[in-house]
Amino acid sequence: MLGAYDLSIGLDTGSKHVGLSDFENPEYGSLHEIWMEVYLREQINEHYRLSFDEWLNRPRWEIMMMLRVLNRRKASIKKIMSDVAGSDPELQNLEKELKLKG
């Protein structure tokens, strides 16, 4: 049957022809996909100006350190924003209005 398939499309796959069903997607849930989602979610390119391959080719400890630094930076920005919003009555009123509309 594989010979007929090869003949019909003009290939010679020999015994190396392997087919996967729709349920056997090797990429779904793979480490590569997980790291790609982290790269996009954490906006690594925006912060470090690294392509996905440049970032992923670094040692794991360095990748984890970069993620920790980003998380600390996000936390400090969030704290500053909440401090600013807490000290400005107009922003507090605007925040209340937005919560009522949502």
C-alpha atoms as a PDB file:
ATOM      1  CA  MET A   1       0.000   0.000   0.000  1.00  0.00           C
ATOM      2  CA  LEU A   2       2.859   2.417   0.775  1.00  0.00           C
ATOM      3  CA  GLY A   3       4.347   1.562  -2.607  1.00  0.00           C
ATOM      4  CA  ALA A   4       1.117   2.651  -4.312  1.00  0.00           C
ATOM      5  CA  TYR A   5       1.170   5.871  -2.301  1.00  0.00           C
ATOM      6  CA  ASP A   6       4.782   6.567  -3.305  1.00  0.00           C
ATOM      7  CA  LEU A   7       3.982   5.830  -6.941  1.00  0.00           C
ATOM      8  CA  SER A   8       0.926   8.107  -6.948  1.00  0.00           C
ATOM      9  CA  ILE A   9       2.820  11.160  -5.673  1.00  0.00           C
ATOM     10  CA  GLY A  10       6.224  10.383  -7.135  1.00  0.00           C
ATOM     11  CA  LEU A  11       8.162   9.746  -3.927  1.00  0.00           C
ATOM     12  CA  ASP A  12      10.386   6.964  -2.705  1.00  0.00           C
ATOM     13  CA  THR A  13       9.905   6.897   1.055  1.00  0.00           C
ATOM     14  CA  GLY A  14      10.956   3.269   1.377  1.00  0.00           C
ATOM     15  CA  SER A  15      10.633   1.820   4.862  1.00  0.00           C
ATOM     16  CA  LYS A  16      11.119   5.216   6.477  1.00  0.00           C
ATOM     17  CA  HIS A  17       7.558   6.393   5.845  1.00  0.00           C
ATOM     18  CA  VAL A  18       5.856   7.167   9.150  1.00  0.00           C
ATOM     19  CA  GLY A  19       2.394   8.595   9.481  1.00  0.00           C
ATOM     20  CA  LEU A  20       0.785  10.210  12.502  1.00  0.00           C
ATOM     21  CA  SER A  21      -2.868  10.435  13.320  1.00  0.00           C
ATOM     22  CA  ASP A  22      -4.431  13.738  14.327  1.00  0.00           C
ATOM     23  CA  PHE A  23      -4.248  12.566  17.949  1.00  0.00           C
ATOM     24  CA  GLU A  24      -0.465  12.074  17.824  1.00  0.00           C
ATOM     25  CA  ASN A  25       0.676  15.655  17.439  1.00  0.00           C
ATOM     26  CA  PRO A  26       4.288  15.589  18.688  1.00  0.00           C
ATOM     27  CA  GLU A  27       4.418  19.370  19.069  1.00  0.00           C
ATOM     28  CA  TYR A  28       1.378  19.805  21.328  1.00  0.00           C
ATOM     29  CA  GLY A  29       2.526  20.228  24.908  1.00  0.00           C
ATOM     30  CA  SER A  30       6.183  19.803  23.978  1.00  0.00           C
ATOM     31  CA  LEU A  31       8.921  21.638  25.855  1.00  0.00           C
ATOM     32  CA  HIS A  32       9.554  23.697  22.743  1.00  0.00           C
ATOM     33  CA  GLU A  33       5.948  24.860  22.664  1.00  0.00           C
ATOM     34  CA  ILE A  34       5.951  25.598  26.405  1.00  0.00           C
ATOM     35  CA  TRP A  35       9.100  27.735  26.135  1.00  0.00           C
ATOM     36  CA  MET A  36       7.654  29.518  23.105  1.00  0.00           C
ATOM     37  CA  GLU A  37       4.549  30.428  25.109  1.00  0.00           C
ATOM     38  CA  VAL A  38       6.754  31.731  27.947  1.00  0.00           C
ATOM     39  CA  TYR A  39       8.804  33.766  25.447  1.00  0.00           C
ATOM     40  CA  LEU A  40       5.660  35.413  24.071  1.00  0.00           C
ATOM     41  CA  ARG A  41       3.866  35.861  27.405  1.00  0.00           C
ATOM     42  CA  GLU A  42       6.873  37.451  29.116  1.00  0.00           C
ATOM     43  CA  GLN A  43       7.696  39.545  26.021  1.00  0.00           C
ATOM     44  CA  ILE A  44      11.348  38.507  26.066  1.00  0.00           C
ATOM     45  CA  ASN A  45      12.033  40.221  22.749  1.00  0.00           C
ATOM     46  CA  GLU A  46      10.687  43.523  24.075  1.00  0.00           C
ATOM     47  CA  HIS A  47      12.772  43.436  27.252  1.00  0.00           C
ATOM     48  CA  TYR A  48      16.015  41.749  26.197  1.00  0.00           C
ATOM     49  CA  ARG A  49      16.004  42.198  22.398  1.00  0.00           C
ATOM     50  CA  LEU A  50      16.650  38.492  21.833  1.00  0.00           C
ATOM     51  CA  SER A  51      15.114  36.264  19.204  1.00  0.00           C
ATOM     52  CA  PHE A  52      13.462  33.064  20.398  1.00  0.00           C
ATOM     53  CA  ASP A  53      16.439  30.965  19.281  1.00  0.00           C
ATOM     54  CA  GLU A  54      18.977  33.310  20.901  1.00  0.00           C
ATOM     55  CA  TRP A  55      17.032  33.188  24.153  1.00  0.00           C
ATOM     56  CA  LEU A  56      16.459  29.438  24.146  1.00  0.00           C
ATOM     57  CA  ASN A  57      20.106  28.652  23.331  1.00  0.00           C
ATOM     58  CA  ARG A  58      21.247  30.209  26.599  1.00  0.00           C
ATOM     59  CA  PRO A  59      21.947  28.024  29.644  1.00  0.00           C
ATOM     60  CA  ARG A  60      18.822  27.189  31.621  1.00  0.00           C
ATOM     61  CA  TRP A  61      20.063  29.020  34.736  1.00  0.00           C
ATOM     62  CA  GLU A  62      20.416  32.197  32.681  1.00  0.00           C
ATOM     63  CA  ILE A  63      16.903  31.849  31.233  1.00  0.00           C
ATOM     64  CA  MET A  64      15.468  31.358  34.720  1.00  0.00           C
ATOM     65  CA  MET A  65      17.416  34.375  36.023  1.00  0.00           C
ATOM     66  CA  MET A  66      16.031  36.522  33.184  1.00  0.00           C
ATOM     67  CA  LEU A  67      12.496  35.424  34.051  1.00  0.00           C
ATOM     68  CA  ARG A  68      13.026  36.197  37.767  1.00  0.00           C
ATOM     69  CA  VAL A  69      14.364  39.669  36.926  1.00  0.00           C
ATOM     70  CA  LEU A  70      11.337  40.327  34.701  1.00  0.00           C
ATOM     71  CA  ASN A  71       8.939  39.183  37.435  1.00  0.00           C
ATOM     72  CA  ARG A  72      10.595  41.483  39.985  1.00  0.00           C
ATOM     73  CA  ARG A  73      10.445  44.363  37.497  1.00  0.00           C
ATOM     74  CA  LYS A  74       6.751  43.742  36.808  1.00  0.00           C
ATOM     75  CA  ALA A  75       6.037  43.587  40.551  1.00  0.00           C
ATOM     76  CA  SER A  76       7.827  46.886  41.220  1.00  0.00           C
ATOM     77  CA  ILE A  77       6.009  48.584  38.334  1.00  0.00           C
ATOM     78  CA  LYS A  78       2.684  47.253  39.628  1.00  0.00           C
ATOM     79  CA  LYS A  79       3.465  48.539  43.135  1.00  0.00           C
ATOM     80  CA  ILE A  80       4.441  51.981  41.838  1.00  0.00           C
ATOM     81  CA  MET A  81       1.262  52.150  39.762  1.00  0.00           C
ATOM     82  CA  SER A  82      -0.905  51.202  42.736  1.00  0.00           C
ATOM     83  CA  ASP A  83       0.910  53.760  44.932  1.00  0.00           C
ATOM     84  CA  VAL A  84       0.342  56.482  42.344  1.00  0.00           C
ATOM     85  CA  ALA A  85      -3.288  55.490  41.877  1.00  0.00           C
ATOM     86  CA  GLY A  86      -3.795  55.383  45.658  1.00  0.00           C
ATOM     87  CA  SER A  87      -2.437  58.896  46.150  1.00  0.00           C
ATOM     88  CA  ASP A  88      -4.512  60.535  43.399  1.00  0.00           C
ATOM     89  CA  PRO A  89      -8.237  60.938  44.215  1.00  0.00           C
ATOM     90  CA  GLU A  90      -9.140  61.466  40.550  1.00  0.00           C
ATOM     91  CA  LEU A  91      -7.591  58.134  39.618  1.00  0.00           C
ATOM     92  CA  GLN A  92      -9.429  56.447  42.497  1.00  0.00           C
ATOM     93  CA  ASN A  93     -12.744  57.845  41.255  1.00  0.00           C
ATOM     94  CA  LEU A  94     -11.949  56.762  37.703  1.00  0.00           C
ATOM     95  CA  GLU A  95     -11.085  53.276  38.943  1.00  0.00           C
ATOM     96  CA  LYS A  96     -14.392  53.080  40.837  1.00  0.00           C
ATOM     97  CA  GLU A  97     -16.306  54.162  37.730  1.00  0.00           C
ATOM     98  CA  LEU A  98     -14.565  51.541  35.626  1.00  0.00           C
ATOM     99  CA  LYS A  99     -15.383  48.829  38.172  1.00  0.00           C
ATOM    100  CA  LEU A 100     -19.043  49.867  38.164  1.00  0.00           C
ATOM    101  CA  LYS A 101     -19.191  49.703  34.361  1.00  0.00           C
ATOM    102  CA  GLY A 102     -17.420  46.310  34.237  1.00  0.00           C
END
